[in-house]
Protein backbone atom coordinates (compact mmCIF):
# COMPACT_ATOMS: atom_id res chain seq x y z
CA UNK A 1 0.00 0.00 0.00
CA UNK A 2 1.34 3.40 -0.97
CA UNK A 3 -0.13 6.87 -0.77
CA UNK A 4 -0.38 8.81 -3.99
CA UNK A 5 -1.86 12.14 -4.99
CA UNK A 6 -5.14 10.48 -5.94
CA UNK A 7 -5.55 8.33 -2.82
CA UNK A 8 -4.15 5.05 -1.62
CA UNK A 9 -2.73 2.57 -4.11
CA UNK A 10 -3.07 -1.08 -3.05
CA UNK A 11 -2.39 -4.46 -4.54
CA UNK A 12 -5.42 -6.73 -4.36
CA UNK A 13 -5.07 -10.49 -4.41
CA UNK A 14 -6.56 -13.78 -3.33
CA UNK A 15 -4.59 -16.20 -1.17
CA UNK A 16 -3.79 -19.37 -3.07
CA UNK A 17 -4.42 -17.86 -6.50
CA UNK A 18 -2.22 -15.96 -8.95
CA UNK A 19 -4.69 -13.05 -9.16
CA UNK A 20 -3.07 -9.67 -8.43
CA UNK A 21 -4.36 -6.22 -9.34
CA UNK A 22 -3.17 -2.72 -8.37
CA UNK A 23 -5.88 -0.11 -7.83
CA UNK A 24 -6.22 3.33 -6.25
CA UNK A 25 -8.92 4.13 -3.67
CA UNK A 26 -9.90 7.10 -1.51
CA UNK A 27 -9.57 4.97 1.64
CA UNK A 28 -8.78 1.38 2.62
CA UNK A 29 -10.33 -0.63 5.44
CA UNK A 30 -8.56 -3.90 6.22
CA UNK A 31 -10.02 -6.82 8.19
CA UNK A 32 -7.17 -8.97 9.45
CA UNK A 33 -9.01 -11.69 11.36
CA UNK A 34 -8.29 -12.94 14.82
CA UNK A 35 -6.88 -15.99 16.51
CA UNK A 36 -9.51 -18.23 18.10
CA UNK A 37 -10.01 -17.87 21.84
CA UNK A 38 -9.82 -21.46 23.08
CA UNK A 39 -9.22 -21.11 26.83
CA UNK A 40 -12.81 -21.90 27.88
CA UNK A 41 -13.07 -24.80 25.43
CA UNK A 42 -9.74 -26.18 26.67
CA UNK A 43 -10.99 -26.03 30.29
CA UNK A 44 -14.28 -27.78 29.47
CA UNK A 45 -13.20 -30.47 27.00
CA UNK A 46 -12.10 -33.05 29.62
CA UNK A 47 -15.51 -32.92 31.35
CA UNK A 48 -17.52 -33.37 28.15
CA UNK A 49 -18.94 -36.70 26.96
CA UNK A 50 -17.58 -36.27 23.44
CA UNK A 51 -14.25 -34.59 24.30
CA UNK A 52 -15.24 -32.00 21.69
CA UNK A 53 -15.37 -34.55 18.86
CA UNK A 54 -17.84 -34.17 15.97
CA UNK A 55 -19.11 -37.11 13.91
CA UNK A 56 -18.80 -35.47 10.48
CA UNK A 57 -20.79 -38.18 8.68
CA UNK A 58 -23.71 -37.70 11.10
CA UNK A 59 -23.38 -33.92 10.81
CA UNK A 60 -23.57 -34.01 7.01
CA UNK A 61 -26.48 -36.49 7.08
CA UNK A 62 -28.44 -34.39 9.61
CA UNK A 63 -28.29 -37.13 12.25
CA UNK A 64 -27.76 -36.51 15.98
CA UNK A 65 -24.24 -36.45 17.34
CA UNK A 66 -23.67 -39.57 19.44
CA UNK A 67 -19.88 -39.64 19.89
CA UNK A 68 -19.01 -40.77 23.43
CA UNK A 69 -15.36 -40.68 24.44
CA UNK A 70 -15.92 -40.02 28.14
CA UNK A 71 -18.73 -41.94 29.89
CA UNK A 72 -18.27 -39.79 33.01
CA UNK A 73 -18.88 -36.55 31.09
CA UNK A 74 -21.94 -34.47 31.88
CA UNK A 75 -22.42 -32.45 28.66
CA UNK A 76 -21.55 -32.34 24.97
CA UNK A 77 -19.08 -29.72 23.79
CA UNK A 78 -18.67 -28.29 20.29
CA UNK A 79 -16.62 -25.41 18.91
CA UNK A 80 -18.34 -23.08 16.44
CA UNK A 81 -17.55 -19.84 14.68
CA UNK A 82 -14.50 -17.92 15.88
CA UNK A 83 -13.74 -20.61 18.46
CA UNK A 84 -12.58 -22.69 15.47
CA UNK A 85 -10.88 -20.07 13.30
CA UNK A 86 -11.30 -16.46 12.28
CA UNK A 87 -14.73 -16.40 10.69
CA UNK A 88 -17.82 -14.24 10.74
CA UNK A 89 -21.03 -14.47 12.77
CA UNK A 90 -22.85 -16.11 9.85
CA UNK A 91 -20.40 -19.03 9.92
CA UNK A 92 -20.99 -19.51 13.66
CA UNK A 93 -24.76 -19.53 13.16
CA UNK A 94 -24.45 -22.12 10.38
CA UNK A 95 -22.17 -24.30 12.53
CA UNK A 96 -24.62 -24.22 15.42
CA UNK A 97 -27.63 -24.81 13.16
CA UNK A 98 -26.03 -27.90 11.65
CA UNK A 99 -25.25 -29.32 15.08
CA UNK A 100 -28.64 -28.51 16.60
CA UNK A 101 -30.84 -29.41 13.64
CA UNK A 102 -30.91 -33.08 14.64
CA UNK A 103 -31.58 -32.47 18.33
PDB file of N, CA and C in Angstrom:
ATOM      1  N   UNK A   1       0.850  -1.168   0.000  1.00  0.00           N
ATOM      2  CA  UNK A   1       0.000   0.000   0.000  1.00  0.00           C
ATOM      3  C   UNK A   1       0.897   1.234   0.000  1.00  0.00           C
ATOM      4  N   UNK A   2       0.592   2.137  -0.905  1.00  0.00           N
ATOM      5  CA  UNK A   2       1.338   3.397  -0.969  1.00  0.00           C
ATOM      6  C   UNK A   2       0.358   4.549  -1.166  1.00  0.00           C
ATOM      7  N   UNK A   3       0.700   5.674  -0.594  1.00  0.00           N
ATOM      8  CA  UNK A   3      -0.130   6.871  -0.771  1.00  0.00           C
ATOM      9  C   UNK A   3       0.307   7.572  -2.061  1.00  0.00           C
ATOM     10  N   UNK A   4      -0.682   8.042  -2.787  1.00  0.00           N
ATOM     11  CA  UNK A   4      -0.383   8.808  -3.993  1.00  0.00           C
ATOM     12  C   UNK A   4      -1.282  10.039  -3.989  1.00  0.00           C
ATOM     13  N   UNK A   5      -1.068  10.919  -4.931  1.00  0.00           N
ATOM     14  CA  UNK A   5      -1.860  12.142  -4.985  1.00  0.00           C
ATOM     15  C   UNK A   5      -3.349  11.882  -5.105  1.00  0.00           C
ATOM     16  N   UNK A   6      -3.735  10.789  -5.721  1.00  0.00           N
ATOM     17  CA  UNK A   6      -5.143  10.479  -5.942  1.00  0.00           C
ATOM     18  C   UNK A   6      -5.744   9.567  -4.897  1.00  0.00           C
ATOM     19  N   UNK A   7      -5.012   9.220  -3.844  1.00  0.00           N
ATOM     20  CA  UNK A   7      -5.553   8.330  -2.817  1.00  0.00           C
ATOM     21  C   UNK A   7      -4.532   7.323  -2.337  1.00  0.00           C
ATOM     22  N   UNK A   8      -4.994   6.133  -2.124  1.00  0.00           N
ATOM     23  CA  UNK A   8      -4.149   5.053  -1.621  1.00  0.00           C
ATOM     24  C   UNK A   8      -4.093   3.958  -2.678  1.00  0.00           C
ATOM     25  N   UNK A   9      -2.885   3.626  -3.112  1.00  0.00           N
ATOM     26  CA  UNK A   9      -2.731   2.572  -4.108  1.00  0.00           C
ATOM     27  C   UNK A   9      -2.445   1.262  -3.380  1.00  0.00           C
ATOM     28  N   UNK A  10      -3.225   0.228  -3.706  1.00  0.00           N
ATOM     29  CA  UNK A  10      -3.072  -1.077  -3.053  1.00  0.00           C
ATOM     30  C   UNK A  10      -2.987  -2.175  -4.100  1.00  0.00           C
ATOM     31  N   UNK A  11      -2.392  -3.272  -3.698  1.00  0.00           N
ATOM     32  CA  UNK A  11      -2.389  -4.463  -4.541  1.00  0.00           C
ATOM     33  C   UNK A  11      -3.396  -5.436  -3.966  1.00  0.00           C
ATOM     34  N   UNK A  12      -4.395  -5.780  -4.765  1.00  0.00           N
ATOM     35  CA  UNK A  12      -5.417  -6.727  -4.359  1.00  0.00           C
ATOM     36  C   UNK A  12      -5.008  -8.111  -4.815  1.00  0.00           C
ATOM     37  N   UNK A  13      -5.379  -9.122  -4.036  1.00  0.00           N
ATOM     38  CA  UNK A  13      -5.071 -10.492  -4.406  1.00  0.00           C
ATOM     39  C   UNK A  13      -5.926 -11.462  -3.627  1.00  0.00           C
ATOM     40  N   UNK A  14      -5.836 -12.708  -4.005  1.00  0.00           N
ATOM     41  CA  UNK A  14      -6.565 -13.775  -3.331  1.00  0.00           C
ATOM     42  C   UNK A  14      -5.555 -14.833  -2.935  1.00  0.00           C
ATOM     43  N   UNK A  15      -5.524 -15.173  -1.647  1.00  0.00           N
ATOM     44  CA  UNK A  15      -4.593 -16.197  -1.174  1.00  0.00           C
ATOM     45  C   UNK A  15      -4.806 -17.498  -1.932  1.00  0.00           C
ATOM     46  N   UNK A  16      -3.718 -18.101  -2.366  1.00  0.00           N
ATOM     47  CA  UNK A  16      -3.787 -19.370  -3.068  1.00  0.00           C
ATOM     48  C   UNK A  16      -4.032 -19.257  -4.565  1.00  0.00           C
ATOM     49  N   UNK A  17      -4.184 -18.053  -5.075  1.00  0.00           N
ATOM     50  CA  UNK A  17      -4.415 -17.856  -6.503  1.00  0.00           C
ATOM     51  C   UNK A  17      -3.394 -16.851  -7.038  1.00  0.00           C
ATOM     52  N   UNK A  18      -3.188 -16.862  -8.339  1.00  0.00           N
ATOM     53  CA  UNK A  18      -2.223 -15.961  -8.955  1.00  0.00           C
ATOM     54  C   UNK A  18      -2.788 -14.564  -9.199  1.00  0.00           C
ATOM     55  N   UNK A  19      -4.051 -14.336  -8.911  1.00  0.00           N
ATOM     56  CA  UNK A  19      -4.693 -13.050  -9.161  1.00  0.00           C
ATOM     57  C   UNK A  19      -4.022 -11.938  -8.358  1.00  0.00           C
ATOM     58  N   UNK A  20      -3.613 -10.886  -9.048  1.00  0.00           N
ATOM     59  CA  UNK A  20      -3.072  -9.674  -8.428  1.00  0.00           C
ATOM     60  C   UNK A  20      -3.518  -8.494  -9.285  1.00  0.00           C
ATOM     61  N   UNK A  21      -3.912  -7.405  -8.621  1.00  0.00           N
ATOM     62  CA  UNK A  21      -4.355  -6.215  -9.343  1.00  0.00           C
ATOM     63  C   UNK A  21      -4.043  -4.987  -8.485  1.00  0.00           C
ATOM     64  N   UNK A  22      -3.460  -3.967  -9.093  1.00  0.00           N
ATOM     65  CA  UNK A  22      -3.170  -2.720  -8.370  1.00  0.00           C
ATOM     66  C   UNK A  22      -4.266  -1.709  -8.703  1.00  0.00           C
ATOM     67  N   UNK A  23      -4.831  -1.098  -7.635  1.00  0.00           N
ATOM     68  CA  UNK A  23      -5.884  -0.105  -7.832  1.00  0.00           C
ATOM     69  C   UNK A  23      -5.698   1.024  -6.833  1.00  0.00           C
ATOM     70  N   UNK A  24      -6.289   2.168  -7.135  1.00  0.00           N
ATOM     71  CA  UNK A  24      -6.221   3.328  -6.252  1.00  0.00           C
ATOM     72  C   UNK A  24      -7.612   3.614  -5.690  1.00  0.00           C
ATOM     73  N   UNK A  25      -7.657   3.848  -4.374  1.00  0.00           N
ATOM     74  CA  UNK A  25      -8.916   4.126  -3.673  1.00  0.00           C
ATOM     75  C   UNK A  25      -8.764   5.376  -2.822  1.00  0.00           C
ATOM     76  N   UNK A  26      -9.903   5.946  -2.425  1.00  0.00           N
ATOM     77  CA  UNK A  26      -9.901   7.095  -1.512  1.00  0.00           C
ATOM     78  C   UNK A  26      -9.470   6.672  -0.108  1.00  0.00           C
ATOM     79  N   UNK A  27      -9.890   5.485   0.307  1.00  0.00           N
ATOM     80  CA  UNK A  27      -9.571   4.969   1.640  1.00  0.00           C
ATOM     81  C   UNK A  27      -9.549   3.448   1.585  1.00  0.00           C
ATOM     82  N   UNK A  28      -8.869   2.838   2.543  1.00  0.00           N
ATOM     83  CA  UNK A  28      -8.782   1.380   2.619  1.00  0.00           C
ATOM     84  C   UNK A  28      -9.126   0.952   4.039  1.00  0.00           C
ATOM     85  N   UNK A  29     -10.004  -0.030   4.155  1.00  0.00           N
ATOM     86  CA  UNK A  29     -10.326  -0.629   5.444  1.00  0.00           C
ATOM     87  C   UNK A  29      -9.913  -2.084   5.350  1.00  0.00           C
ATOM     88  N   UNK A  30      -9.058  -2.526   6.262  1.00  0.00           N
ATOM     89  CA  UNK A  30      -8.564  -3.903   6.221  1.00  0.00           C
ATOM     90  C   UNK A  30      -9.100  -4.690   7.404  1.00  0.00           C
ATOM     91  N   UNK A  31      -9.575  -5.907   7.144  1.00  0.00           N
ATOM     92  CA  UNK A  31     -10.015  -6.817   8.185  1.00  0.00           C
ATOM     93  C   UNK A  31      -8.981  -7.922   8.239  1.00  0.00           C
ATOM     94  N   UNK A  32      -8.300  -8.047   9.349  1.00  0.00           N
ATOM     95  CA  UNK A  32      -7.171  -8.966   9.451  1.00  0.00           C
ATOM     96  C   UNK A  32      -7.502 -10.302  10.087  1.00  0.00           C
ATOM     97  N   UNK A  33      -8.670 -10.444  10.691  1.00  0.00           N
ATOM     98  CA  UNK A  33      -9.009 -11.688  11.356  1.00  0.00           C
ATOM     99  C   UNK A  33      -8.396 -11.756  12.743  1.00  0.00           C
ATOM    100  N   UNK A  34      -8.770 -12.772  13.449  1.00  0.00           N
ATOM    101  CA  UNK A  34      -8.289 -12.942  14.816  1.00  0.00           C
ATOM    102  C   UNK A  34      -7.916 -14.392  15.051  1.00  0.00           C
ATOM    103  N   UNK A  35      -7.175 -14.623  16.095  1.00  0.00           N
ATOM    104  CA  UNK A  35      -6.877 -15.995  16.508  1.00  0.00           C
ATOM    105  C   UNK A  35      -8.026 -16.469  17.385  1.00  0.00           C
ATOM    106  N   UNK A  36      -8.412 -17.736  17.272  1.00  0.00           N
ATOM    107  CA  UNK A  36      -9.513 -18.228  18.100  1.00  0.00           C
ATOM    108  C   UNK A  36      -9.167 -18.172  19.581  1.00  0.00           C
ATOM    109  N   UNK A  37     -10.169 -17.875  20.395  1.00  0.00           N
ATOM    110  CA  UNK A  37     -10.007 -17.874  21.841  1.00  0.00           C
ATOM    111  C   UNK A  37     -10.448 -19.251  22.328  1.00  0.00           C
ATOM    112  N   UNK A  38      -9.507 -20.065  22.755  1.00  0.00           N
ATOM    113  CA  UNK A  38      -9.815 -21.457  23.079  1.00  0.00           C
ATOM    114  C   UNK A  38      -9.729 -21.793  24.559  1.00  0.00           C
ATOM    115  N   UNK A  39      -9.438 -20.813  25.416  1.00  0.00           N
ATOM    116  CA  UNK A  39      -9.217 -21.105  26.833  1.00  0.00           C
ATOM    117  C   UNK A  39     -10.407 -21.798  27.482  1.00  0.00           C
ATOM    118  N   UNK A  40     -11.632 -21.295  27.266  1.00  0.00           N
ATOM    119  CA  UNK A  40     -12.813 -21.902  27.877  1.00  0.00           C
ATOM    120  C   UNK A  40     -13.037 -23.308  27.336  1.00  0.00           C
ATOM    121  N   UNK A  41     -12.927 -23.470  26.035  1.00  0.00           N
ATOM    122  CA  UNK A  41     -13.066 -24.800  25.427  1.00  0.00           C
ATOM    123  C   UNK A  41     -12.044 -25.755  26.032  1.00  0.00           C
ATOM    124  N   UNK A  42     -10.800 -25.335  26.125  1.00  0.00           N
ATOM    125  CA  UNK A  42      -9.743 -26.181  26.668  1.00  0.00           C
ATOM    126  C   UNK A  42     -10.035 -26.598  28.108  1.00  0.00           C
ATOM    127  N   UNK A  43     -10.640 -25.703  28.901  1.00  0.00           N
ATOM    128  CA  UNK A  43     -10.988 -26.032  30.285  1.00  0.00           C
ATOM    129  C   UNK A  43     -12.142 -27.024  30.357  1.00  0.00           C
ATOM    130  N   UNK A  44     -13.079 -26.958  29.420  1.00  0.00           N
ATOM    131  CA  UNK A  44     -14.279 -27.785  29.471  1.00  0.00           C
ATOM    132  C   UNK A  44     -14.157 -29.135  28.780  1.00  0.00           C
ATOM    133  N   UNK A  45     -13.239 -29.282  27.850  1.00  0.00           N
ATOM    134  CA  UNK A  45     -13.198 -30.475  26.998  1.00  0.00           C
ATOM    135  C   UNK A  45     -13.069 -31.775  27.796  1.00  0.00           C
ATOM    136  N   UNK A  46     -12.290 -31.803  28.854  1.00  0.00           N
ATOM    137  CA  UNK A  46     -12.100 -33.046  29.619  1.00  0.00           C
ATOM    138  C   UNK A  46     -13.365 -33.491  30.333  1.00  0.00           C
ATOM    139  N   UNK A  47     -14.275 -32.571  30.638  1.00  0.00           N
ATOM    140  CA  UNK A  47     -15.507 -32.919  31.352  1.00  0.00           C
ATOM    141  C   UNK A  47     -16.668 -33.236  30.412  1.00  0.00           C
ATOM    142  N   UNK A  48     -16.446 -33.132  29.107  1.00  0.00           N
ATOM    143  CA  UNK A  48     -17.524 -33.371  28.147  1.00  0.00           C
ATOM    144  C   UNK A  48     -17.596 -34.846  27.769  1.00  0.00           C
ATOM    145  N   UNK A  49     -18.777 -35.304  27.362  1.00  0.00           N
ATOM    146  CA  UNK A  49     -18.943 -36.701  26.965  1.00  0.00           C
ATOM    147  C   UNK A  49     -18.237 -37.007  25.651  1.00  0.00           C
ATOM    148  N   UNK A  50     -18.155 -36.039  24.767  1.00  0.00           N
ATOM    149  CA  UNK A  50     -17.581 -36.274  23.444  1.00  0.00           C
ATOM    150  C   UNK A  50     -16.151 -35.775  23.291  1.00  0.00           C
ATOM    151  N   UNK A  51     -15.594 -35.199  24.361  1.00  0.00           N
ATOM    152  CA  UNK A  51     -14.249 -34.591  24.300  1.00  0.00           C
ATOM    153  C   UNK A  51     -14.125 -33.638  23.117  1.00  0.00           C
ATOM    154  N   UNK A  52     -15.237 -32.988  22.763  1.00  0.00           N
ATOM    155  CA  UNK A  52     -15.236 -32.003  21.694  1.00  0.00           C
ATOM    156  C   UNK A  52     -15.295 -32.578  20.287  1.00  0.00           C
ATOM    157  N   UNK A  53     -15.385 -33.898  20.181  1.00  0.00           N
ATOM    158  CA  UNK A  53     -15.373 -34.547  18.856  1.00  0.00           C
ATOM    159  C   UNK A  53     -16.711 -34.370  18.141  1.00  0.00           C
ATOM    160  N   UNK A  54     -16.657 -34.272  16.820  1.00  0.00           N
ATOM    161  CA  UNK A  54     -17.839 -34.174  15.968  1.00  0.00           C
ATOM    162  C   UNK A  54     -17.831 -35.345  15.008  1.00  0.00           C
ATOM    163  N   UNK A  55     -18.952 -36.042  14.903  1.00  0.00           N
ATOM    164  CA  UNK A  55     -19.108 -37.105  13.908  1.00  0.00           C
ATOM    165  C   UNK A  55     -19.510 -36.423  12.605  1.00  0.00           C
ATOM    166  N   UNK A  56     -18.542 -36.227  11.712  1.00  0.00           N
ATOM    167  CA  UNK A  56     -18.800 -35.475  10.479  1.00  0.00           C
ATOM    168  C   UNK A  56     -19.825 -36.148   9.582  1.00  0.00           C
ATOM    169  N   UNK A  57     -19.817 -37.471   9.511  1.00  0.00           N
ATOM    170  CA  UNK A  57     -20.793 -38.179   8.682  1.00  0.00           C
ATOM    171  C   UNK A  57     -22.206 -37.919   9.197  1.00  0.00           C
ATOM    172  N   UNK A  58     -22.397 -37.979  10.514  1.00  0.00           N
ATOM    173  CA  UNK A  58     -23.713 -37.701  11.096  1.00  0.00           C
ATOM    174  C   UNK A  58     -24.089 -36.234  10.874  1.00  0.00           C
ATOM    175  N   UNK A  59     -23.129 -35.338  11.021  1.00  0.00           N
ATOM    176  CA  UNK A  59     -23.382 -33.917  10.813  1.00  0.00           C
ATOM    177  C   UNK A  59     -23.888 -33.657   9.399  1.00  0.00           C
ATOM    178  N   UNK A  60     -23.194 -34.219   8.415  1.00  0.00           N
ATOM    179  CA  UNK A  60     -23.574 -34.005   7.014  1.00  0.00           C
ATOM    180  C   UNK A  60     -24.899 -34.666   6.662  1.00  0.00           C
ATOM    181  N   UNK A  61     -25.227 -35.781   7.354  1.00  0.00           N
ATOM    182  CA  UNK A  61     -26.477 -36.488   7.082  1.00  0.00           C
ATOM    183  C   UNK A  61     -27.644 -35.936   7.897  1.00  0.00           C
ATOM    184  N   UNK A  62     -27.378 -34.966   8.790  1.00  0.00           N
ATOM    185  CA  UNK A  62     -28.436 -34.390   9.608  1.00  0.00           C
ATOM    186  C   UNK A  62     -28.857 -35.287  10.758  1.00  0.00           C
ATOM    187  N   UNK A  63     -27.996 -36.231  11.137  1.00  0.00           N
ATOM    188  CA  UNK A  63     -28.293 -37.134  12.255  1.00  0.00           C
ATOM    189  C   UNK A  63     -27.728 -36.560  13.545  1.00  0.00           C
ATOM    190  N   UNK A  64     -28.281 -36.983  14.688  1.00  0.00           N
ATOM    191  CA  UNK A  64     -27.763 -36.513  15.982  1.00  0.00           C
ATOM    192  C   UNK A  64     -26.313 -36.932  16.202  1.00  0.00           C
ATOM    193  N   UNK A  65     -25.619 -36.141  16.963  1.00  0.00           N
ATOM    194  CA  UNK A  65     -24.241 -36.446  17.341  1.00  0.00           C
ATOM    195  C   UNK A  65     -24.285 -37.436  18.508  1.00  0.00           C
ATOM    196  N   UNK A  66     -23.640 -38.580  18.359  1.00  0.00           N
ATOM    197  CA  UNK A  66     -23.666 -39.566  19.441  1.00  0.00           C
ATOM    198  C   UNK A  66     -22.272 -40.067  19.821  1.00  0.00           C
ATOM    199  N   UNK A  67     -21.260 -39.287  19.531  1.00  0.00           N
ATOM    200  CA  UNK A  67     -19.883 -39.641  19.892  1.00  0.00           C
ATOM    201  C   UNK A  67     -19.760 -39.610  21.415  1.00  0.00           C
ATOM    202  N   UNK A  68     -19.271 -40.717  21.990  1.00  0.00           N
ATOM    203  CA  UNK A  68     -19.013 -40.765  23.431  1.00  0.00           C
ATOM    204  C   UNK A  68     -17.577 -41.231  23.617  1.00  0.00           C
ATOM    205  N   UNK A  69     -16.754 -40.352  24.161  1.00  0.00           N
ATOM    206  CA  UNK A  69     -15.359 -40.682  24.444  1.00  0.00           C
ATOM    207  C   UNK A  69     -15.069 -40.603  25.937  1.00  0.00           C
ATOM    208  N   UNK A  70     -16.089 -40.177  26.695  1.00  0.00           N
ATOM    209  CA  UNK A  70     -15.922 -40.022  28.137  1.00  0.00           C
ATOM    210  C   UNK A  70     -17.271 -40.311  28.797  1.00  0.00           C
ATOM    211  N   UNK A  71     -17.462 -41.538  29.274  1.00  0.00           N
ATOM    212  CA  UNK A  71     -18.733 -41.940  29.893  1.00  0.00           C
ATOM    213  C   UNK A  71     -19.063 -41.097  31.118  1.00  0.00           C
ATOM    214  N   UNK A  72     -18.053 -40.573  31.791  1.00  0.00           N
ATOM    215  CA  UNK A  72     -18.269 -39.789  33.006  1.00  0.00           C
ATOM    216  C   UNK A  72     -18.624 -38.329  32.710  1.00  0.00           C
ATOM    217  N   UNK A  73     -18.588 -37.944  31.454  1.00  0.00           N
ATOM    218  CA  UNK A  73     -18.885 -36.550  31.092  1.00  0.00           C
ATOM    219  C   UNK A  73     -20.328 -36.193  31.385  1.00  0.00           C
ATOM    220  N   UNK A  74     -20.583 -34.906  31.539  1.00  0.00           N
ATOM    221  CA  UNK A  74     -21.939 -34.472  31.879  1.00  0.00           C
ATOM    222  C   UNK A  74     -22.570 -33.559  30.825  1.00  0.00           C
ATOM    223  N   UNK A  75     -21.881 -33.306  29.714  1.00  0.00           N
ATOM    224  CA  UNK A  75     -22.419 -32.453  28.659  1.00  0.00           C
ATOM    225  C   UNK A  75     -21.643 -32.711  27.373  1.00  0.00           C
ATOM    226  N   UNK A  76     -22.231 -32.280  26.258  1.00  0.00           N
ATOM    227  CA  UNK A  76     -21.546 -32.344  24.966  1.00  0.00           C
ATOM    228  C   UNK A  76     -20.929 -30.975  24.694  1.00  0.00           C
ATOM    229  N   UNK A  77     -19.799 -30.968  24.037  1.00  0.00           N
ATOM    230  CA  UNK A  77     -19.079 -29.721  23.788  1.00  0.00           C
ATOM    231  C   UNK A  77     -18.692 -29.639  22.322  1.00  0.00           C
ATOM    232  N   UNK A  78     -19.012 -28.507  21.693  1.00  0.00           N
ATOM    233  CA  UNK A  78     -18.670 -28.288  20.293  1.00  0.00           C
ATOM    234  C   UNK A  78     -18.109 -26.885  20.141  1.00  0.00           C
ATOM    235  N   UNK A  79     -17.161 -26.736  19.240  1.00  0.00           N
ATOM    236  CA  UNK A  79     -16.624 -25.407  18.910  1.00  0.00           C
ATOM    237  C   UNK A  79     -17.297 -24.938  17.632  1.00  0.00           C
ATOM    238  N   UNK A  80     -17.719 -23.675  17.623  1.00  0.00           N
ATOM    239  CA  UNK A  80     -18.345 -23.085  16.436  1.00  0.00           C
ATOM    240  C   UNK A  80     -17.775 -21.696  16.210  1.00  0.00           C
ATOM    241  N   UNK A  81     -17.927 -21.214  15.003  1.00  0.00           N
ATOM    242  CA  UNK A  81     -17.552 -19.836  14.679  1.00  0.00           C
ATOM    243  C   UNK A  81     -16.102 -19.518  14.957  1.00  0.00           C
ATOM    244  N   UNK A  82     -15.860 -18.383  15.610  1.00  0.00           N
ATOM    245  CA  UNK A  82     -14.503 -17.920  15.879  1.00  0.00           C
ATOM    246  C   UNK A  82     -13.756 -18.782  16.877  1.00  0.00           C
ATOM    247  N   UNK A  83     -14.444 -19.680  17.561  1.00  0.00           N
ATOM    248  CA  UNK A  83     -13.735 -20.607  18.458  1.00  0.00           C
ATOM    249  C   UNK A  83     -12.952 -21.630  17.640  1.00  0.00           C
ATOM    250  N   UNK A  84     -13.282 -21.769  16.367  1.00  0.00           N
ATOM    251  CA  UNK A  84     -12.584 -22.694  15.468  1.00  0.00           C
ATOM    252  C   UNK A  84     -11.478 -21.968  14.717  1.00  0.00           C
ATOM    253  N   UNK A  85     -11.832 -20.891  14.045  1.00  0.00           N
ATOM    254  CA  UNK A  85     -10.884 -20.073  13.300  1.00  0.00           C
ATOM    255  C   UNK A  85     -11.525 -18.718  13.057  1.00  0.00           C
ATOM    256  N   UNK A  86     -10.774 -17.803  12.514  1.00  0.00           N
ATOM    257  CA  UNK A  86     -11.295 -16.463  12.282  1.00  0.00           C
ATOM    258  C   UNK A  86     -12.361 -16.513  11.194  1.00  0.00           C
ATOM    259  N   UNK A  87     -13.607 -16.382  11.625  1.00  0.00           N
ATOM    260  CA  UNK A  87     -14.733 -16.403  10.691  1.00  0.00           C
ATOM    261  C   UNK A  87     -15.766 -15.392  11.159  1.00  0.00           C
ATOM    262  N   UNK A  88     -16.808 -15.224  10.388  1.00  0.00           N
ATOM    263  CA  UNK A  88     -17.822 -14.238  10.737  1.00  0.00           C
ATOM    264  C   UNK A  88     -18.971 -14.863  11.526  1.00  0.00           C
ATOM    265  N   UNK A  89     -19.897 -14.019  11.968  1.00  0.00           N
ATOM    266  CA  UNK A  89     -21.033 -14.474  12.766  1.00  0.00           C
ATOM    267  C   UNK A  89     -21.884 -15.455  11.972  1.00  0.00           C
ATOM    268  N   UNK A  90     -22.046 -15.217  10.690  1.00  0.00           N
ATOM    269  CA  UNK A  90     -22.848 -16.105   9.848  1.00  0.00           C
ATOM    270  C   UNK A  90     -22.308 -17.532   9.892  1.00  0.00           C
ATOM    271  N   UNK A  91     -21.000 -17.696   9.852  1.00  0.00           N
ATOM    272  CA  UNK A  91     -20.404 -19.032   9.920  1.00  0.00           C
ATOM    273  C   UNK A  91     -20.716 -19.703  11.254  1.00  0.00           C
ATOM    274  N   UNK A  92     -20.677 -18.950  12.344  1.00  0.00           N
ATOM    275  CA  UNK A  92     -20.993 -19.505  13.660  1.00  0.00           C
ATOM    276  C   UNK A  92     -22.445 -19.966  13.721  1.00  0.00           C
ATOM    277  N   UNK A  93     -23.344 -19.166  13.161  1.00  0.00           N
ATOM    278  CA  UNK A  93     -24.758 -19.529  13.157  1.00  0.00           C
ATOM    279  C   UNK A  93     -24.968 -20.796  12.343  1.00  0.00           C
ATOM    280  N   UNK A  94     -24.318 -20.910  11.194  1.00  0.00           N
ATOM    281  CA  UNK A  94     -24.452 -22.120  10.382  1.00  0.00           C
ATOM    282  C   UNK A  94     -23.891 -23.339  11.100  1.00  0.00           C
ATOM    283  N   UNK A  95     -22.737 -23.189  11.757  1.00  0.00           N
ATOM    284  CA  UNK A  95     -22.170 -24.304  12.532  1.00  0.00           C
ATOM    285  C   UNK A  95     -23.160 -24.790  13.575  1.00  0.00           C
ATOM    286  N   UNK A  96     -23.693 -23.863  14.358  1.00  0.00           N
ATOM    287  CA  UNK A  96     -24.622 -24.220  15.424  1.00  0.00           C
ATOM    288  C   UNK A  96     -25.911 -24.824  14.862  1.00  0.00           C
ATOM    289  N   UNK A  97     -26.408 -24.278  13.761  1.00  0.00           N
ATOM    290  CA  UNK A  97     -27.635 -24.807  13.163  1.00  0.00           C
ATOM    291  C   UNK A  97     -27.441 -26.237  12.695  1.00  0.00           C
ATOM    292  N   UNK A  98     -26.304 -26.538  12.099  1.00  0.00           N
ATOM    293  CA  UNK A  98     -26.027 -27.901  11.646  1.00  0.00           C
ATOM    294  C   UNK A  98     -25.985 -28.878  12.818  1.00  0.00           C
ATOM    295  N   UNK A  99     -25.350 -28.460  13.901  1.00  0.00           N
ATOM    296  CA  UNK A  99     -25.248 -29.324  15.077  1.00  0.00           C
ATOM    297  C   UNK A  99     -26.592 -29.510  15.771  1.00  0.00           C
ATOM    298  N   UNK A 100     -27.395 -28.460  15.839  1.00  0.00           N
ATOM    299  CA  UNK A 100     -28.640 -28.506  16.602  1.00  0.00           C
ATOM    300  C   UNK A 100     -29.830 -28.999  15.788  1.00  0.00           C
ATOM    301  N   UNK A 101     -29.731 -29.020  14.500  1.00  0.00           N
ATOM    302  CA  UNK A 101     -30.839 -29.413  13.636  1.00  0.00           C
ATOM    303  C   UNK A 101     -31.387 -30.794  13.994  1.00  0.00           C
ATOM    304  N   UNK A 102     -30.510 -31.702  14.367  1.00  0.00           N
ATOM    305  CA  UNK A 102     -30.908 -33.081  14.642  1.00  0.00           C
ATOM    306  C   UNK A 102     -31.314 -33.313  16.098  1.00  0.00           C
ATOM    307  N   UNK A 103     -31.247 -32.292  16.913  1.00  0.00           N
ATOM    308  CA  UNK A 103     -31.584 -32.466  18.334  1.00  0.00           C
ATOM    309  C   UNK A 103     -33.074 -32.622  18.510  1.00  0.00           C
TER     310      UNK A 103
END
